[in-house]
Amino acid sequence: MLTYEQARQTVIERISAEKGPRATEQIRVGDALGYVLAQEVKTDREYPPFNRATRDGYAVFAADIHPGTTLKCTAEIKAGDRVTKELWAETCVQIMTGAALPSGADAVVMIEHTSRDGDQVRFERGAASGQNFVPRGSEARAGQTLLTPGMRLGYAELALAAQVGAAELKCGQKPRVAILSTGDEIVPVESAPGRFQIRNSNSVSLAAQVRLAGGKPILLGNAMDREDDLQSKIRRGLQEDLLVLSGGVSMGKYDLVEKVLRGMQTEFYFDAVAIRPGKPAVFGKCGETFVFGLPGNPVSTMVTFELLVAPAVDLLSGTDARSLPLVEARIGERLQEKPGVTHFLPARLERLGAQMEVKALKWQGSGDVAALSKANCYLVVPADVEKIEAGEKVTVLLRRDVL
């Protein structure tokens, strides 16, 4: 049985070896959050295009300024003003943050370090050349490449693209991820479940995780515990870039996912992972489409998606797989778990003074979504560890949707 690290690496290697170039589309810059860029974005001019003040104050010749110096203020410049006049010797110009320095000025003295009487400004401190402004062209040269293909677009990248006038961006199309739940006990979310039925929450959580990972969820509903129904709906899912099933992958009489997939000539790369929750996770390829079979208990589904499916969505988006969001913290309470598999326990990470502290939450197992809703991370207990004493360092897997 593979460790979760080995299983994750298997996913990355298999998909990396077979993925081709991603089809592209033009996306307005304001709508491109989470897309993967498929073009270079270059500057249309120098940035900043002028010497830009970073403080409110007075533009001066630094050599003129000593503690106690008094100069005449001859003008005022605010952000956006056209600046055509140069600074005269032994004068100053009031300037606002973001405004262009007048020609000849080589420093800005903060207004807090001055006092003013009419047009006379007294300087309480000296000045150094280069202080409190950003020189023209120091952020980027004209024609410089700032964004490159394969970059995932976040808010900073979108702001940069907008700044240089890239109103539309060529991006890789988001991979279409088919989501299919299984089980006779599953009913639609909007339905009133019978006493022994449950609503299809897995499709909702998986769709959210697909969106967070950068994909487009395609909801196929639920397959009954019948081979014909399951096969029919799997065939529909195989028309998309990726198929993710939840449920039906354990060892029960009606866990039919692996049986049906094998009958459809699926090549399996693994069919179990040494983790809890999520041990019976499956990964393979059916025809031209990669397929994941995830356990049906909701927390198992969420954990295995983060560990195994998220890197697949990254790769199919046209970018590298992101690293797991793992951090270190000190555990707040003693913990004991059965060794042999890596545990991912719903937990709460909080700052305690100068340190981060994590505590595992009480939960009733992998069906307990209520407990997970109170968690902002998973406490990771290695397979060879049975006891962790309070105060020891541990690894934490962040819930990237809430942290």
Foldseek 3Di string as FASTA:
>chain_A
DAALVVQQVVLQVVLLVDDDDFDKDKDFLVPQAQFFFDAWFWAQAFVPQAWFFQAFAKFAALVQFAAFQKAFADEEWEAPDDADDADDHRHIHGYHGGTHHHPPGFEGDHRVQWDDDVRIIGGRHGTDGNYRIDHIRPVHHRGDTDDGGQDRDHPVNSVVSVVRPVRMTITGAQFEEEEEEEEPQEDDPPDDHDPRHDYDVQLVLVQVVSVVLRHHYDYLYYFYLDLVRVLVSVVVRQVTQEYEYEALQDDDPSSCPVVSQVVLVWDWPDQAHQEPPWGRWTWTDRDHHIYIYTYHQRQSSVVCCLSHVSQSSSVNSPHGRDDFPKDKFFEAAKDFDQADGKYWAFWAWDDDVPTIYIYGDDADGSNGVVSNVVGQWTWIDHRPDGIDHGGDMTMIGGPVVVD
